[in-house]
Every structure is written in structure tokens, then in C-alpha cells.
């Protein structure tokens, strides 16, 4: 049985990144929080498959 408790964490992101995430979340009928959680889950799956070479983030930072 999977533990359904969720950990709350503070997150600080730029207004520009938030706006992009908000638009993306709306396109996929998710909340911004739900979109961030979805994207993090996808990144973890991607990493576990041994993939690398992620591109620059919205603020030009390596992700």
C-alpha cells in the first residue's frame, strides 16, 4: 500500500516561471501545485531510466 501522506515544502520561484507554470497547468486542467508535482514525478521517472542532458530552465539555469 502506497503512503498517501504528502510533505509540504516552501518553494520560491520567479514570477516569470510561475506565470509559465500557471499557463501550462491551465492547459492541462491542473492547479499550479498539481502541475509542479506532476513535472517532478516525470523528472524522477526520467532520471531513474538513466537519461541525462536536460536543457536550460526558463531562467537560463541548468535543470
Protein backbone atom coordinates (compact mmCIF):
# COMPACT_ATOMS: atom_id res chain seq x y z
CA UNK A 1 0.00 0.00 0.00
CA UNK A 2 1.37 3.39 -1.03
CA UNK A 3 1.65 6.08 1.63
CA UNK A 4 -0.72 8.88 0.57
CA UNK A 5 0.59 11.50 3.01
CA UNK A 6 2.21 14.43 1.29
CA UNK A 7 5.07 16.56 2.52
CA UNK A 8 4.58 20.31 2.39
CA UNK A 9 7.61 22.36 1.36
CA UNK A 10 8.07 26.09 0.79
CA UNK A 11 9.01 26.90 -2.79
CA UNK A 12 10.30 30.18 -4.15
CA UNK A 13 10.21 30.67 -7.90
CA UNK A 14 10.36 33.70 -10.17
CA UNK A 15 7.18 35.42 -11.31
CA UNK A 16 8.08 34.54 -14.89
CA UNK A 17 8.38 30.83 -14.10
CA UNK A 18 5.16 30.90 -12.08
CA UNK A 19 3.30 32.50 -14.99
CA UNK A 20 4.58 29.82 -17.38
CA UNK A 21 3.64 27.03 -14.97
CA UNK A 22 0.21 28.57 -14.47
CA UNK A 23 -0.47 28.69 -18.22
CA UNK A 24 0.75 25.12 -18.63
CA UNK A 25 -1.34 23.92 -15.68
CA UNK A 26 -4.46 25.58 -17.10
CA UNK A 27 -3.84 23.87 -20.46
CA UNK A 28 -3.78 20.50 -18.71
CA UNK A 29 -6.63 21.26 -16.25
CA UNK A 30 -4.37 21.12 -13.20
CA UNK A 31 -3.56 23.50 -10.38
CA UNK A 32 -0.08 25.01 -10.34
CA UNK A 33 0.73 22.78 -7.36
CA UNK A 34 -0.57 19.73 -9.22
CA UNK A 35 1.45 20.68 -12.30
CA UNK A 36 4.66 21.04 -10.28
CA UNK A 37 4.06 17.67 -8.62
CA UNK A 38 3.35 16.05 -12.00
CA UNK A 39 6.52 17.52 -13.53
CA UNK A 40 8.66 16.45 -10.57
CA UNK A 41 7.29 12.91 -10.82
CA UNK A 42 8.08 12.83 -14.55
CA UNK A 43 11.62 14.09 -13.89
CA UNK A 44 12.22 11.40 -11.28
CA UNK A 45 10.97 8.70 -13.69
CA UNK A 46 13.21 10.13 -16.42
CA UNK A 47 16.22 10.14 -14.10
CA UNK A 48 15.58 6.56 -12.97
CA UNK A 49 15.70 5.46 -16.61
CA UNK A 50 19.27 6.81 -16.78
CA UNK A 51 18.52 9.70 -19.11
CA UNK A 52 20.56 12.90 -18.92
CA UNK A 53 21.20 16.10 -20.79
CA UNK A 54 18.25 18.15 -19.59
CA UNK A 55 18.05 21.58 -21.21
CA UNK A 56 18.18 25.02 -19.65
CA UNK A 57 15.28 26.12 -17.48
CA UNK A 58 13.15 29.17 -18.05
CA UNK A 59 15.58 31.42 -16.18
CA UNK A 60 18.59 30.02 -18.05
CA UNK A 61 19.61 27.75 -15.19
CA UNK A 62 20.60 24.15 -15.77
CA UNK A 63 17.93 21.78 -14.57
